[in-house]
């Protein structure tokens, strides 16, 4: 091959390299621009509005002297609203119904044969301020709650059997407090968990999901 031919071939190779590098740079810029235009799942303006929630709830009831207790889990259902805000700090309110489950007491250490059980349900109006850190949020909870408790007992002492029914004999209203940690899986779905004080001697851990509309 002549010197002219070699020079021409080298020139063509250089042109091809320049074209390939230009195409690669253009593709990279396009990808970066495309990523920048994707709306993040945690965009604040998309986390407002109405939501429905459901929780699995495990309550811890009052300890009685010389008694063994067996606790059954409960549940909670909420419908709420998060007020529009473009900041990381948001305000929400929700109406909630919860069944805290039940507890059964037995007294094997005493001269008592029998057991008693208590069930607690309630309705609560909650205020929940939230602070977002990326897709995670921290929330406090203050609620005005009406509690209803019912129970029954059947026991034998020294051969004599007693039965008592406490249905609808205990009701109370007051403030409840708690805290919650959540994570936005998508713009419509969040998972959450937290701790609540339902009344002086009863508190609960819970985990659940919230669906936004």
N, C-alpha and C. Protein backbone atom coordinates (compact mmCIF):
# COMPACT_ATOMS: atom_id res chain seq x y z
N UNK A 1 0.85 -1.20 0.00
CA UNK A 1 0.00 0.00 0.00
C UNK A 1 0.89 1.24 0.00
N UNK A 2 0.50 2.24 -0.78
CA UNK A 2 1.30 3.46 -0.88
C UNK A 2 1.17 4.30 0.36
N UNK A 3 2.07 5.28 0.48
CA UNK A 3 2.00 6.19 1.62
C UNK A 3 0.71 6.99 1.62
N UNK A 4 0.24 7.30 0.42
CA UNK A 4 -1.04 8.03 0.32
C UNK A 4 -2.18 7.19 0.85
N UNK A 5 -2.15 5.88 0.47
CA UNK A 5 -3.21 4.98 0.95
C UNK A 5 -3.18 4.82 2.45
N UNK A 6 -1.97 4.70 3.03
CA UNK A 6 -1.86 4.58 4.49
C UNK A 6 -2.39 5.83 5.18
N UNK A 7 -2.07 6.96 4.67
CA UNK A 7 -2.55 8.20 5.28
C UNK A 7 -4.05 8.32 5.21
N UNK A 8 -4.62 7.88 4.09
CA UNK A 8 -6.07 7.94 3.93
C UNK A 8 -6.76 7.00 4.92
N UNK A 9 -6.20 5.79 5.11
CA UNK A 9 -6.78 4.82 6.05
C UNK A 9 -6.73 5.35 7.48
N UNK A 10 -5.60 5.92 7.86
CA UNK A 10 -5.48 6.48 9.21
C UNK A 10 -6.50 7.61 9.42
N UNK A 11 -6.67 8.42 8.38
CA UNK A 11 -7.62 9.53 8.49
C UNK A 11 -9.05 9.01 8.70
N UNK A 12 -9.40 7.95 7.96
CA UNK A 12 -10.73 7.36 8.13
C UNK A 12 -10.93 6.79 9.53
N UNK A 13 -9.91 6.13 10.07
CA UNK A 13 -10.01 5.57 11.43
C UNK A 13 -10.21 6.67 12.46
N UNK A 14 -9.52 7.77 12.31
CA UNK A 14 -9.68 8.89 13.24
C UNK A 14 -11.09 9.45 13.18
N UNK A 15 -11.62 9.54 11.96
CA UNK A 15 -12.99 10.05 11.81
C UNK A 15 -13.99 9.12 12.50
N UNK A 16 -13.79 7.79 12.31
CA UNK A 16 -14.70 6.82 12.95
C UNK A 16 -14.65 6.95 14.48
N UNK A 17 -13.44 7.09 15.04
CA UNK A 17 -13.30 7.23 16.49
C UNK A 17 -14.01 8.48 17.00
N UNK A 18 -13.87 9.58 16.26
CA UNK A 18 -14.54 10.82 16.67
C UNK A 18 -16.06 10.65 16.66
N UNK A 19 -16.57 9.99 15.59
CA UNK A 19 -18.02 9.77 15.48
C UNK A 19 -18.52 8.89 16.63
N UNK A 20 -17.78 7.81 16.96
CA UNK A 20 -18.19 6.90 18.03
C UNK A 20 -18.19 7.62 19.38
N UNK A 21 -17.16 8.42 19.64
CA UNK A 21 -17.09 9.16 20.90
C UNK A 21 -18.23 10.17 21.00
N UNK A 22 -18.54 10.81 19.88
CA UNK A 22 -19.63 11.79 19.87
C UNK A 22 -20.97 11.12 20.17
N UNK A 23 -21.19 9.95 19.54
CA UNK A 23 -22.44 9.22 19.79
C UNK A 23 -22.54 8.77 21.25
N UNK A 24 -21.42 8.27 21.80
CA UNK A 24 -21.43 7.82 23.20
C UNK A 24 -21.72 8.98 24.14
N UNK A 25 -21.12 10.14 23.86
CA UNK A 25 -21.36 11.32 24.71
C UNK A 25 -22.81 11.76 24.62
N UNK A 26 -23.36 11.75 23.39
CA UNK A 26 -24.76 12.14 23.20
C UNK A 26 -25.70 11.19 23.95
N UNK A 27 -25.41 9.88 23.89
CA UNK A 27 -26.23 8.90 24.58
C UNK A 27 -26.18 9.10 26.09
N UNK A 28 -24.98 9.37 26.62
CA UNK A 28 -24.83 9.59 28.06
C UNK A 28 -25.60 10.82 28.51
N UNK A 29 -25.52 11.91 27.72
CA UNK A 29 -26.26 13.12 28.06
C UNK A 29 -27.75 12.87 28.04
N UNK A 30 -28.22 12.11 27.05
CA UNK A 30 -29.65 11.79 26.95
C UNK A 30 -30.13 11.01 28.15
N UNK A 31 -29.31 10.04 28.60
CA UNK A 31 -29.68 9.24 29.77
C UNK A 31 -29.76 10.10 31.02
N UNK A 32 -28.78 11.01 31.18
CA UNK A 32 -28.78 11.87 32.36
C UNK A 32 -29.98 12.80 32.37
N UNK A 33 -30.31 13.36 31.21
CA UNK A 33 -31.48 14.23 31.12
C UNK A 33 -32.75 13.45 31.41
N UNK A 34 -32.83 12.21 30.90
CA UNK A 34 -34.00 11.39 31.15
C UNK A 34 -34.18 11.07 32.61
N UNK A 35 -33.09 10.73 33.30
CA UNK A 35 -33.16 10.44 34.73
C UNK A 35 -33.60 11.67 35.49
N UNK A 36 -33.10 12.83 35.09
CA UNK A 36 -33.47 14.06 35.78
C UNK A 36 -34.93 14.40 35.63
N UNK A 37 -35.56 13.92 34.54
CA UNK A 37 -36.97 14.23 34.32
C UNK A 37 -37.91 13.25 34.98
N UNK A 38 -37.40 12.15 35.56
CA UNK A 38 -38.25 11.17 36.24
C UNK A 38 -38.73 11.75 37.56
N UNK A 39 -40.03 11.69 37.83
CA UNK A 39 -40.58 12.19 39.09
C UNK A 39 -40.30 11.19 40.19
N UNK A 40 -39.60 11.57 41.24
CA UNK A 40 -39.28 10.62 42.30
C UNK A 40 -40.52 10.15 43.01
N UNK A 41 -40.45 8.93 43.54
CA UNK A 41 -41.60 8.33 44.21
C UNK A 41 -42.00 9.12 45.44
N UNK A 42 -41.06 9.88 46.00
CA UNK A 42 -41.35 10.61 47.23
C UNK A 42 -41.62 12.08 46.98
N UNK A 43 -41.97 12.46 45.74
CA UNK A 43 -42.24 13.87 45.46
C UNK A 43 -43.32 14.38 46.40
N UNK A 44 -43.04 15.48 47.10
CA UNK A 44 -43.92 15.94 48.17
C UNK A 44 -45.33 16.26 47.68
N UNK A 45 -45.42 16.83 46.45
CA UNK A 45 -46.73 17.22 45.98
C UNK A 45 -47.62 16.02 45.68
N UNK A 46 -47.08 14.81 45.62
CA UNK A 46 -47.88 13.62 45.32
C UNK A 46 -48.27 12.85 46.58
N UNK A 47 -47.87 13.32 47.75
CA UNK A 47 -48.13 12.58 48.98
C UNK A 47 -49.23 13.22 49.81
N UNK A 48 -50.09 14.00 49.16
CA UNK A 48 -51.20 14.63 49.84
C UNK A 48 -52.49 13.88 49.53
N UNK A 49 -53.57 14.26 50.23
CA UNK A 49 -54.87 13.71 49.90
C UNK A 49 -55.35 12.63 50.84
N UNK A 50 -56.33 11.86 50.35
CA UNK A 50 -57.02 10.86 51.17
C UNK A 50 -56.25 9.54 51.15
N UNK A 51 -56.29 8.84 52.28
CA UNK A 51 -55.68 7.51 52.35
C UNK A 51 -56.51 6.59 53.25
N UNK A 52 -56.38 5.31 53.03
CA UNK A 52 -56.95 4.27 53.88
C UNK A 52 -55.81 3.46 54.48
N UNK A 53 -55.95 3.09 55.75
CA UNK A 53 -54.90 2.32 56.41
C UNK A 53 -55.47 1.15 57.18
N UNK A 54 -54.67 0.12 57.34
CA UNK A 54 -55.04 -1.03 58.15
C UNK A 54 -53.79 -1.52 58.89
N UNK A 55 -53.95 -1.86 60.16
CA UNK A 55 -52.83 -2.26 61.00
C UNK A 55 -53.10 -3.58 61.71
N UNK A 56 -52.05 -4.34 61.91
CA UNK A 56 -52.03 -5.46 62.85
C UNK A 56 -51.57 -4.89 64.18
N UNK A 57 -52.32 -5.14 65.24
CA UNK A 57 -52.08 -4.48 66.52
C UNK A 57 -51.90 -5.51 67.63
N UNK A 58 -50.81 -5.38 68.37
CA UNK A 58 -50.54 -6.27 69.50
C UNK A 58 -50.48 -5.43 70.76
N UNK A 59 -51.50 -5.55 71.59
CA UNK A 59 -51.59 -4.75 72.81
C UNK A 59 -50.94 -5.46 73.99
N UNK A 60 -50.49 -4.67 74.94
CA UNK A 60 -49.98 -5.18 76.21
C UNK A 60 -50.89 -4.67 77.32
N UNK A 61 -51.59 -5.60 77.98
CA UNK A 61 -52.58 -5.24 78.98
C UNK A 61 -51.97 -5.22 80.38
N UNK A 62 -52.80 -4.79 81.32
CA UNK A 62 -52.40 -4.67 82.73
C UNK A 62 -51.96 -6.02 83.29
N UNK A 63 -50.87 -6.01 84.05
CA UNK A 63 -50.43 -7.19 84.79
C UNK A 63 -51.14 -7.24 86.14
N UNK A 64 -51.71 -8.40 86.47
CA UNK A 64 -52.38 -8.59 87.76
C UNK A 64 -51.52 -9.46 88.66
N UNK A 65 -51.47 -9.17 89.96
CA UNK A 65 -50.67 -9.98 90.88
C UNK A 65 -51.11 -11.45 90.87
N UNK A 66 -50.14 -12.35 90.84
CA UNK A 66 -50.37 -13.80 90.92
C UNK A 66 -51.17 -14.34 89.74
N UNK A 67 -51.22 -13.58 88.65
CA UNK A 67 -52.01 -14.02 87.49
C UNK A 67 -51.11 -14.25 86.28
N UNK A 68 -51.51 -15.22 85.48
CA UNK A 68 -50.90 -15.41 84.18
C UNK A 68 -51.85 -14.84 83.13
N UNK A 69 -51.29 -14.20 82.11
CA UNK A 69 -52.17 -13.61 81.10
C UNK A 69 -51.82 -14.12 79.70
N UNK A 70 -52.85 -14.25 78.90
CA UNK A 70 -52.71 -14.68 77.50
C UNK A 70 -53.39 -13.63 76.62
N UNK A 71 -52.59 -12.96 75.79
CA UNK A 71 -53.09 -11.84 75.01
C UNK A 71 -53.31 -12.24 73.55
N UNK A 72 -54.44 -11.82 73.00
CA UNK A 72 -54.74 -12.02 71.58
C UNK A 72 -54.60 -10.70 70.83
N UNK A 73 -54.12 -10.77 69.60
CA UNK A 73 -53.87 -9.57 68.80
C UNK A 73 -55.18 -8.96 68.30
N UNK A 74 -55.08 -7.70 67.88
CA UNK A 74 -56.22 -6.99 67.34
C UNK A 74 -55.87 -6.33 66.01
N UNK A 75 -56.64 -5.31 65.65
CA UNK A 75 -56.44 -4.64 64.38
C UNK A 75 -56.94 -3.20 64.48
N UNK A 76 -56.58 -2.39 63.49
CA UNK A 76 -57.06 -1.02 63.42
C UNK A 76 -57.29 -0.65 61.96
N UNK A 77 -58.30 0.19 61.71
CA UNK A 77 -58.63 0.68 60.37
C UNK A 77 -58.72 2.20 60.42
N UNK A 78 -58.09 2.87 59.45
CA UNK A 78 -58.11 4.33 59.44
C UNK A 78 -58.55 4.86 58.07
N UNK A 79 -59.19 6.03 58.08
CA UNK A 79 -59.37 6.84 56.89
C UNK A 79 -58.85 8.22 57.25
N UNK A 80 -57.94 8.75 56.43
CA UNK A 80 -57.29 9.99 56.79
C UNK A 80 -57.09 10.92 55.61
N UNK A 81 -56.59 12.11 55.94
CA UNK A 81 -56.32 13.12 54.92
C UNK A 81 -55.05 13.86 55.27
N UNK A 82 -54.13 13.97 54.31
CA UNK A 82 -52.90 14.74 54.47
C UNK A 82 -53.06 16.05 53.71
N UNK A 83 -52.89 17.17 54.40
CA UNK A 83 -53.09 18.47 53.79
C UNK A 83 -51.97 18.80 52.81
N UNK A 84 -52.30 19.47 51.69
CA UNK A 84 -51.28 19.80 50.69
C UNK A 84 -50.15 20.64 51.26
N UNK A 85 -48.94 20.27 50.90
CA UNK A 85 -47.75 21.00 51.33
C UNK A 85 -46.60 20.59 50.43
N UNK A 86 -45.79 21.57 50.02
CA UNK A 86 -44.63 21.27 49.17
C UNK A 86 -43.37 21.05 49.99
N UNK A 87 -43.47 21.17 51.31
CA UNK A 87 -42.30 21.00 52.17
C UNK A 87 -42.21 19.57 52.67
N UNK A 88 -41.15 19.27 53.41
CA UNK A 88 -40.97 17.93 53.97
C UNK A 88 -41.83 17.72 55.21
N UNK A 89 -42.39 18.78 55.75
CA UNK A 89 -43.23 18.68 56.95
C UNK A 89 -44.69 18.75 56.54
N UNK A 90 -45.47 17.76 56.97
CA UNK A 90 -46.88 17.68 56.56
C UNK A 90 -47.78 17.48 57.78
N UNK A 91 -49.05 17.86 57.62
CA UNK A 91 -50.05 17.70 58.67
C UNK A 91 -51.14 16.76 58.16
N UNK A 92 -51.56 15.84 59.02
CA UNK A 92 -52.61 14.92 58.65
C UNK A 92 -53.59 14.69 59.79
N UNK A 93 -54.81 14.33 59.44
CA UNK A 93 -55.83 13.95 60.41
C UNK A 93 -56.43 12.63 59.95
N UNK A 94 -56.90 11.83 60.90
CA UNK A 94 -57.51 10.55 60.54
C UNK A 94 -58.55 10.15 61.57
N UNK A 95 -59.54 9.43 61.09
CA UNK A 95 -60.54 8.81 61.95
C UNK A 95 -60.24 7.32 61.98
N UNK A 96 -60.21 6.75 63.17
CA UNK A 96 -59.74 5.37 63.33
C UNK A 96 -60.68 4.57 64.22
N UNK A 97 -60.90 3.34 63.81
CA UNK A 97 -61.54 2.35 64.68
C UNK A 97 -60.51 1.26 64.98
N UNK A 98 -60.41 0.88 66.24
CA UNK A 98 -59.47 -0.18 66.57
C UNK A 98 -60.08 -1.17 67.55
N UNK A 99 -59.65 -2.40 67.40
CA UNK A 99 -59.95 -3.48 68.32
C UNK A 99 -58.61 -3.92 68.90
N UNK A 100 -58.38 -3.61 70.16
CA UNK A 100 -57.07 -3.88 70.77
C UNK A 100 -56.87 -5.35 71.10
N UNK A 101 -57.82 -6.19 70.76
CA UNK A 101 -57.70 -7.60 71.09
C UNK A 101 -58.26 -7.89 72.47
N UNK A 102 -57.79 -8.94 73.07
CA UNK A 102 -58.31 -9.34 74.38
C UNK A 102 -57.20 -9.97 75.21
N UNK A 103 -57.47 -10.08 76.49
CA UNK A 103 -56.54 -10.71 77.41
C UNK A 103 -57.32 -11.67 78.31
N UNK A 104 -56.73 -12.82 78.57
CA UNK A 104 -57.33 -13.81 79.46
C UNK A 104 -56.40 -14.02 80.65
N UNK A 105 -56.97 -13.90 81.85
CA UNK A 105 -56.20 -14.06 83.08
C UNK A 105 -56.55 -15.39 83.75
N UNK A 106 -55.55 -16.08 84.24
CA UNK A 106 -55.75 -17.26 85.09
C UNK A 106 -54.89 -17.09 86.34
N UNK A 107 -55.31 -17.78 87.41
CA UNK A 107 -54.66 -17.60 88.71
C UNK A 107 -54.22 -18.95 89.28
N UNK A 108 -53.22 -19.60 88.69
CA UNK A 108 -52.81 -20.93 89.15
C UNK A 108 -52.13 -20.92 90.51
N UNK A 109 -51.57 -19.78 90.91
CA UNK A 109 -50.82 -19.73 92.17
C UNK A 109 -51.73 -19.55 93.38
N UNK A 110 -52.99 -19.18 93.17
CA UNK A 110 -53.92 -18.95 94.27
C UNK A 110 -54.93 -20.09 94.35
N UNK A 111 -55.68 -20.08 95.41
CA UNK A 111 -56.72 -21.10 95.60
C UNK A 111 -57.97 -20.70 94.82
N UNK A 112 -57.75 -20.38 93.52
CA UNK A 112 -58.84 -19.94 92.65
C UNK A 112 -58.80 -20.77 91.38
N UNK A 113 -59.92 -21.37 91.04
CA UNK A 113 -60.05 -22.12 89.80
C UNK A 113 -60.95 -21.31 88.87
N UNK A 114 -60.42 -20.90 87.74
CA UNK A 114 -61.22 -20.11 86.82
C UNK A 114 -60.38 -19.10 86.08
N UNK A 115 -61.05 -18.23 85.37
CA UNK A 115 -60.36 -17.24 84.56
C UNK A 115 -61.29 -16.07 84.27
N UNK A 116 -60.69 -15.02 83.74
CA UNK A 116 -61.45 -13.85 83.31
C UNK A 116 -60.83 -13.28 82.05
N UNK A 117 -61.64 -12.58 81.27
CA UNK A 117 -61.10 -11.98 80.04
C UNK A 117 -61.65 -10.57 79.86
N UNK A 118 -60.88 -9.75 79.15
CA UNK A 118 -61.23 -8.36 78.89
C UNK A 118 -61.00 -8.08 77.41
N UNK A 119 -61.92 -7.34 76.79
CA UNK A 119 -61.77 -6.89 75.40
C UNK A 119 -61.90 -5.37 75.37
N UNK A 120 -61.05 -4.72 74.56
CA UNK A 120 -61.07 -3.26 74.45
C UNK A 120 -61.19 -2.86 72.98
N UNK A 121 -62.15 -1.97 72.70
CA UNK A 121 -62.30 -1.38 71.37
C UNK A 121 -62.37 0.14 71.53
N UNK A 122 -62.23 0.85 70.43
CA UNK A 122 -62.27 2.29 70.53
C UNK A 122 -62.38 2.99 69.19
N UNK A 123 -62.76 4.25 69.25
CA UNK A 123 -62.79 5.14 68.09
C UNK A 123 -61.96 6.36 68.43
N UNK A 124 -61.11 6.78 67.49
CA UNK A 124 -60.17 7.85 67.79
C UNK A 124 -60.10 8.84 66.63
N UNK A 125 -60.01 10.12 66.96
CA UNK A 125 -59.73 11.17 65.99
C UNK A 125 -58.30 11.62 66.23
N UNK A 126 -57.42 11.39 65.26
CA UNK A 126 -55.99 11.58 65.45
C UNK A 126 -55.45 12.74 64.62
N UNK A 127 -54.49 13.45 65.21
CA UNK A 127 -53.68 14.44 64.49
C UNK A 127 -52.29 13.85 64.33
N UNK A 128 -51.77 13.83 63.08
CA UNK A 128 -50.49 13.18 62.81
C UNK A 128 -49.59 14.09 61.98
N UNK A 129 -48.72 14.86 62.62
CA UNK A 129 -47.71 15.60 61.86
C UNK A 129 -46.60 14.66 61.40
N UNK A 130 -46.14 14.84 60.16
CA UNK A 130 -45.11 13.97 59.59
C UNK A 130 -43.93 14.80 59.10
N UNK A 131 -42.75 14.23 59.23
CA UNK A 131 -41.56 14.85 58.66
C UNK A 131 -40.87 13.83 57.75
N UNK A 132 -40.68 14.20 56.49
CA UNK A 132 -40.10 13.29 55.50
C UNK A 132 -38.60 13.46 55.39
N UNK A 133 -37.91 12.33 55.35
CA UNK A 133 -36.48 12.26 55.05
C UNK A 133 -36.34 11.31 53.86
N UNK A 134 -36.26 11.89 52.67
CA UNK A 134 -36.30 11.10 51.45
C UNK A 134 -37.62 10.32 51.42
N UNK A 135 -37.59 9.00 51.33
CA UNK A 135 -38.82 8.21 51.27
C UNK A 135 -39.28 7.73 52.65
N UNK A 136 -38.52 8.01 53.68
CA UNK A 136 -38.91 7.67 55.04
C UNK A 136 -39.62 8.85 55.69
N UNK A 137 -40.48 8.55 56.66
CA UNK A 137 -41.06 9.64 57.43
C UNK A 137 -41.16 9.26 58.90
N UNK A 138 -41.10 10.27 59.74
CA UNK A 138 -41.32 10.15 61.17
C UNK A 138 -42.59 10.90 61.51
N UNK A 139 -43.42 10.31 62.36
CA UNK A 139 -44.70 10.93 62.68
C UNK A 139 -45.00 10.79 64.17
N UNK A 140 -45.50 11.87 64.75
CA UNK A 140 -46.08 11.81 66.09
C UNK A 140 -47.58 11.58 65.93
N UNK A 141 -48.23 11.22 67.02
CA UNK A 141 -49.67 11.00 66.96
C UNK A 141 -50.31 11.41 68.27
N UNK A 142 -51.31 12.28 68.17
CA UNK A 142 -52.12 12.68 69.32
C UNK A 142 -53.57 12.46 68.94
N UNK A 143 -54.30 11.73 69.77
CA UNK A 143 -55.68 11.43 69.44
C UNK A 143 -56.63 11.65 70.60
N UNK A 144 -57.86 12.01 70.26
CA UNK A 144 -58.92 12.02 71.26
C UNK A 144 -59.71 10.74 71.05
N UNK A 145 -59.75 9.89 72.07
CA UNK A 145 -60.21 8.51 71.91
C UNK A 145 -61.32 8.17 72.89
N UNK A 146 -62.30 7.43 72.39
CA UNK A 146 -63.32 6.85 73.26
C UNK A 146 -63.09 5.35 73.32
N UNK A 147 -62.86 4.85 74.52
CA UNK A 147 -62.61 3.43 74.74
C UNK A 147 -63.84 2.75 75.32
N UNK A 148 -64.09 1.54 74.87
CA UNK A 148 -65.13 0.69 75.44
C UNK A 148 -64.51 -0.65 75.81
N UNK A 149 -64.73 -1.06 77.04
CA UNK A 149 -64.18 -2.33 77.52
C UNK A 149 -65.32 -3.21 78.02
N UNK A 150 -65.20 -4.48 77.73
CA UNK A 150 -66.16 -5.45 78.26
C UNK A 150 -65.41 -6.71 78.65
N UNK A 151 -65.98 -7.44 79.57
CA UNK A 151 -65.30 -8.64 80.04
C UNK A 151 -66.23 -9.54 80.81
N UNK A 152 -65.70 -10.68 81.17
CA UNK A 152 -66.46 -11.65 81.96
C UNK A 152 -65.48 -12.46 82.79
N UNK A 153 -66.01 -13.06 83.84
CA UNK A 153 -65.17 -13.88 84.72
C UNK A 153 -65.99 -15.04 85.26
N UNK A 154 -65.32 -16.17 85.39
CA UNK A 154 -65.92 -17.35 86.00
C UNK A 154 -64.86 -18.01 86.86
N UNK A 155 -65.12 -18.15 88.16
CA UNK A 155 -64.10 -18.70 89.04
C UNK A 155 -64.76 -19.40 90.23
N UNK A 156 -63.99 -20.30 90.82
CA UNK A 156 -64.46 -21.08 91.96
C UNK A 156 -63.49 -20.90 93.12
N UNK A 157 -64.03 -20.53 94.26
CA UNK A 157 -63.22 -20.34 95.47
C UNK A 157 -63.82 -21.21 96.57
N UNK A 158 -62.99 -22.13 97.08
CA UNK A 158 -63.44 -23.01 98.17
C UNK A 158 -64.75 -23.71 97.82
N UNK A 159 -64.86 -24.18 96.59
CA UNK A 159 -66.02 -24.94 96.17
C UNK A 159 -67.20 -24.11 95.73
N UNK A 160 -67.13 -22.81 95.85
CA UNK A 160 -68.24 -21.95 95.46
C UNK A 160 -67.90 -21.24 94.15
N UNK A 161 -68.80 -21.32 93.16
CA UNK A 161 -68.55 -20.76 91.83
C UNK A 161 -69.22 -19.40 91.68
N UNK A 162 -68.48 -18.49 91.09
CA UNK A 162 -68.98 -17.14 90.85
C UNK A 162 -68.84 -16.82 89.36
N UNK A 163 -69.81 -16.10 88.82
CA UNK A 163 -69.74 -15.63 87.44
C UNK A 163 -70.13 -14.16 87.40
N UNK A 164 -69.37 -13.41 86.62
CA UNK A 164 -69.65 -11.98 86.48
C UNK A 164 -69.54 -11.58 85.02
N UNK A 165 -70.39 -10.65 84.63
CA UNK A 165 -70.38 -10.13 83.27
C UNK A 165 -70.20 -8.62 83.34
N UNK A 166 -69.16 -8.13 82.67
CA UNK A 166 -68.86 -6.71 82.71
C UNK A 166 -69.14 -6.04 81.36
N UNK A 167 -70.02 -6.59 80.57
CA UNK A 167 -70.29 -6.06 79.24
C UNK A 167 -70.80 -4.62 79.32
N UNK A 168 -70.14 -3.76 78.53
CA UNK A 168 -70.54 -2.35 78.39
C UNK A 168 -70.59 -1.60 79.72
N UNK A 169 -69.81 -2.04 80.70
CA UNK A 169 -69.80 -1.35 81.99
C UNK A 169 -68.62 -0.40 82.14
N UNK A 170 -67.70 -0.45 81.20
CA UNK A 170 -66.53 0.41 81.27
C UNK A 170 -66.39 1.18 79.96
N UNK A 171 -66.45 2.48 80.05
CA UNK A 171 -66.17 3.32 78.89
C UNK A 171 -65.49 4.58 79.38
N UNK A 172 -64.62 5.10 78.55
CA UNK A 172 -63.82 6.25 78.95
C UNK A 172 -63.39 7.02 77.72
N UNK A 173 -63.12 8.30 77.89
CA UNK A 173 -62.63 9.14 76.81
C UNK A 173 -61.42 9.92 77.28
N UNK A 174 -60.50 10.18 76.37
CA UNK A 174 -59.31 10.93 76.73
C UNK A 174 -58.31 10.96 75.61
N UNK A 175 -57.14 11.51 75.90
CA UNK A 175 -56.08 11.64 74.91
C UNK A 175 -55.23 10.39 74.84
N UNK A 176 -54.81 10.04 73.64
CA UNK A 176 -53.85 8.96 73.43
C UNK A 176 -52.65 9.52 72.67
N UNK A 177 -51.51 8.87 72.85
CA UNK A 177 -50.27 9.37 72.26
C UNK A 177 -49.52 8.22 71.59
N UNK A 178 -48.67 8.58 70.63
CA UNK A 178 -47.87 7.56 69.97
C UNK A 178 -46.89 8.14 68.99
N UNK A 179 -46.14 7.24 68.35
CA UNK A 179 -45.17 7.62 67.33
C UNK A 179 -45.16 6.58 66.24
N UNK A 180 -44.76 7.00 65.03
CA UNK A 180 -44.81 6.11 63.88
C UNK A 180 -43.62 6.35 62.96
N UNK A 181 -43.12 5.27 62.36
CA UNK A 181 -42.09 5.32 61.33
C UNK A 181 -42.65 4.67 60.08
N UNK A 182 -42.51 5.35 58.93
CA UNK A 182 -43.07 4.81 57.70
C UNK A 182 -42.11 4.90 56.53
N UNK A 183 -42.45 4.19 55.47
CA UNK A 183 -41.63 4.17 54.25
C UNK A 183 -42.56 4.13 53.04
N UNK A 184 -42.36 5.04 52.10
CA UNK A 184 -43.18 5.09 50.89
C UNK A 184 -42.62 4.13 49.84
N UNK A 185 -43.30 3.02 49.66
CA UNK A 185 -42.89 2.04 48.67
C UNK A 185 -43.12 2.60 47.26
N UNK A 186 -44.31 3.17 47.06
CA UNK A 186 -44.65 3.87 45.82
C UNK A 186 -45.38 5.14 46.22
N UNK A 187 -45.85 5.90 45.21
CA UNK A 187 -46.62 7.10 45.51
C UNK A 187 -48.00 6.77 46.06
N UNK A 188 -48.45 5.54 45.88
CA UNK A 188 -49.76 5.14 46.39
C UNK A 188 -49.69 4.26 47.63
N UNK A 189 -48.58 3.61 47.88
CA UNK A 189 -48.49 2.62 48.95
C UNK A 189 -47.37 2.94 49.93
N UNK A 190 -47.70 2.89 51.22
CA UNK A 190 -46.70 3.09 52.27
C UNK A 190 -46.83 1.97 53.29
N UNK A 191 -45.70 1.58 53.88
CA UNK A 191 -45.71 0.65 55.01
C UNK A 191 -45.34 1.43 56.26
N UNK A 192 -45.83 0.98 57.42
CA UNK A 192 -45.67 1.76 58.64
C UNK A 192 -45.67 0.86 59.85
N UNK A 193 -45.13 1.39 60.93
CA UNK A 193 -45.15 0.70 62.21
C UNK A 193 -44.98 1.71 63.32
N UNK A 194 -45.48 1.38 64.51
CA UNK A 194 -45.38 2.35 65.58
C UNK A 194 -45.77 1.81 66.93
N UNK A 195 -45.87 2.75 67.87
CA UNK A 195 -46.19 2.45 69.27
C UNK A 195 -47.24 3.44 69.74
N UNK A 196 -48.22 2.93 70.51
CA UNK A 196 -49.29 3.79 71.02
C UNK A 196 -49.59 3.48 72.47
N UNK A 197 -49.93 4.52 73.21
CA UNK A 197 -50.45 4.37 74.56
C UNK A 197 -51.96 4.56 74.47
N UNK A 198 -52.72 3.48 74.69
CA UNK A 198 -54.17 3.53 74.54
C UNK A 198 -54.85 4.06 75.79
N UNK A 199 -54.34 3.67 76.93
CA UNK A 199 -54.81 4.19 78.22
C UNK A 199 -53.73 3.89 79.25
N UNK A 200 -53.96 4.24 80.49
CA UNK A 200 -52.91 4.22 81.50
C UNK A 200 -52.19 2.88 81.60
N UNK A 201 -52.92 1.78 81.50
CA UNK A 201 -52.33 0.45 81.70
C UNK A 201 -52.26 -0.39 80.43
N UNK A 202 -52.57 0.21 79.28
CA UNK A 202 -52.60 -0.55 78.03
C UNK A 202 -51.87 0.21 76.94
N UNK A 203 -50.90 -0.44 76.31
CA UNK A 203 -50.19 0.15 75.18
C UNK A 203 -50.11 -0.90 74.07
N UNK A 204 -49.68 -0.47 72.90
CA UNK A 204 -49.71 -1.39 71.76
C UNK A 204 -48.60 -1.07 70.76
N UNK A 205 -48.08 -2.13 70.14
CA UNK A 205 -47.23 -2.04 68.97
C UNK A 205 -48.07 -2.40 67.75
N UNK A 206 -47.78 -1.76 66.61
CA UNK A 206 -48.57 -2.07 65.42
C UNK A 206 -47.71 -1.98 64.16
N UNK A 207 -48.17 -2.65 63.12
CA UNK A 207 -47.54 -2.59 61.80
C UNK A 207 -48.65 -2.70 60.76
N UNK A 208 -48.51 -1.92 59.68
CA UNK A 208 -49.57 -1.95 58.69
C UNK A 208 -49.19 -1.27 57.39
N UNK A 209 -50.21 -0.99 56.59
CA UNK A 209 -50.02 -0.35 55.29
C UNK A 209 -51.02 0.79 55.14
N UNK A 210 -50.70 1.74 54.26
CA UNK A 210 -51.61 2.83 53.92
C UNK A 210 -51.68 2.94 52.40
N UNK A 211 -52.89 3.11 51.87
CA UNK A 211 -53.12 3.22 50.44
C UNK A 211 -53.66 4.61 50.14
N UNK A 212 -52.96 5.37 49.29
CA UNK A 212 -53.35 6.74 48.96
C UNK A 212 -54.21 6.76 47.68
N UNK A 213 -55.08 7.78 47.62
CA UNK A 213 -55.96 7.94 46.47
C UNK A 213 -55.73 9.30 45.81
